[in-house]
Protein backbone atom coordinates (compact mmCIF):
# COMPACT_ATOMS: atom_id res chain seq x y z
CA UNK A 1 11.63 -8.63 -5.22
CA UNK A 2 12.16 -6.77 -1.98
CA UNK A 3 9.68 -4.01 -1.29
CA UNK A 4 12.30 -2.03 0.67
CA UNK A 5 13.87 -1.13 -2.65
CA UNK A 6 10.71 0.58 -3.84
CA UNK A 7 11.10 4.21 -2.87
CA UNK A 8 9.82 6.13 -5.87
CA UNK A 9 7.08 6.11 -8.50
CA UNK A 10 9.60 4.88 -11.09
CA UNK A 11 10.32 1.89 -8.87
CA UNK A 12 6.58 1.21 -8.62
CA UNK A 13 6.21 1.36 -12.42
CA UNK A 14 9.12 -1.07 -12.87
CA UNK A 15 7.62 -3.41 -10.26
CA UNK A 16 4.23 -3.38 -12.00
CA UNK A 17 5.79 -4.05 -15.41
CA UNK A 18 7.56 -7.12 -14.10
CA UNK A 19 6.03 -10.41 -15.06
CA UNK A 20 7.24 -12.27 -12.00
CA UNK A 21 4.74 -13.85 -9.67
CA UNK A 22 4.47 -11.98 -6.38
CA UNK A 23 3.82 -13.86 -3.18
CA UNK A 24 4.08 -11.85 0.02
CA UNK A 25 2.92 -13.57 3.12
CA UNK A 26 1.70 -11.46 5.98
CA UNK A 27 0.98 -13.43 9.11
CA UNK A 28 -1.49 -10.92 10.54
CA UNK A 29 -3.79 -8.19 9.27
CA UNK A 30 -1.92 -5.64 11.34
CA UNK A 31 1.25 -6.36 9.34
CA UNK A 32 -0.61 -5.70 6.09
CA UNK A 33 -2.00 -2.46 7.43
CA UNK A 34 1.43 -1.37 8.60
CA UNK A 35 2.92 -2.24 5.21
CA UNK A 36 0.23 -0.19 3.44
CA UNK A 37 0.74 2.75 5.80
CA UNK A 38 4.52 2.64 5.39
CA UNK A 39 4.22 2.48 1.60
CA UNK A 40 1.80 5.41 1.48
CA UNK A 41 4.13 7.54 3.57
CA UNK A 42 7.29 6.45 1.75
CA UNK A 43 5.75 7.17 -1.68
CA UNK A 44 4.20 10.45 -0.49
CA UNK A 45 0.69 9.37 -1.48
CA UNK A 46 -1.00 12.38 0.10
CA UNK A 47 0.82 14.89 -2.16
CA UNK A 48 1.32 12.97 -5.37
CA UNK A 49 -0.52 13.40 -8.67
CA UNK A 50 -3.61 11.36 -9.47
CA UNK A 51 -1.82 9.27 -12.11
CA UNK A 52 0.79 8.28 -9.53
CA UNK A 53 -1.86 7.50 -6.94
CA UNK A 54 -3.35 4.99 -9.36
CA UNK A 55 0.05 3.33 -9.73
CA UNK A 56 0.52 3.18 -5.99
CA UNK A 57 -2.93 1.59 -5.57
CA UNK A 58 -2.12 -1.03 -8.26
CA UNK A 59 1.15 -1.79 -6.49
CA UNK A 60 -0.63 -2.25 -3.16
CA UNK A 61 -3.28 -4.44 -4.81
CA UNK A 62 -0.60 -6.71 -6.22
CA UNK A 63 1.33 -6.99 -2.98
CA UNK A 64 -1.52 -7.31 -0.48
CA UNK A 65 -4.10 -9.10 -2.66
CA UNK A 66 -6.76 -6.62 -1.52
CA UNK A 67 -9.41 -5.49 -3.96
CA UNK A 68 -9.59 -1.93 -5.31
CA UNK A 69 -12.59 -1.25 -3.12
CA UNK A 70 -10.92 -2.50 0.07
CA UNK A 71 -7.79 -0.46 -0.60
CA UNK A 72 -9.87 2.61 -1.32
CA UNK A 73 -11.57 2.30 2.06
CA UNK A 74 -8.29 1.69 3.88
CA UNK A 75 -6.54 4.60 2.17
CA UNK A 76 -9.46 6.91 2.91
CA UNK A 77 -9.33 5.88 6.57
CA UNK A 78 -5.56 6.33 6.58
CA UNK A 79 -5.92 9.80 5.10
CA UNK A 80 -8.41 10.91 7.72
CA UNK A 81 -6.51 9.61 10.74
CA UNK A 82 -2.98 8.50 10.04
CA UNK A 83 -2.29 8.00 13.72
CA UNK A 84 -5.16 5.51 13.85
CA UNK A 85 -3.10 3.07 11.79
CA UNK A 86 -0.12 3.12 14.09
CA UNK A 87 -2.21 2.77 17.22
CA UNK A 88 -4.48 0.08 15.79
CA UNK A 89 -4.64 -3.16 17.73
CA UNK A 90 -7.60 -4.76 15.99
CA UNK A 91 -9.75 -3.70 13.09
CA UNK A 92 -13.47 -4.24 13.05
CA UNK A 93 -14.99 -4.41 9.58
């Protein structure tokens, strides 16, 4: 499954309903962060309804293998300073 094809909430729902095993390999953390940021922008996370936000989070959990808590922190940070993600060289957690 290519994630480039996922451009709407309906695509996310179909992806989550699929039973196929998902194995995305990101070589660096920065690639994961960029993927998350791109997905949040593409799916209009900041203006979508709460039900859809939950679906987007589940999608990102499945693709990145991050926990709910980790994604919540990353999304909150993304929401406060979206430019921080694009200018990020290293993350200190």
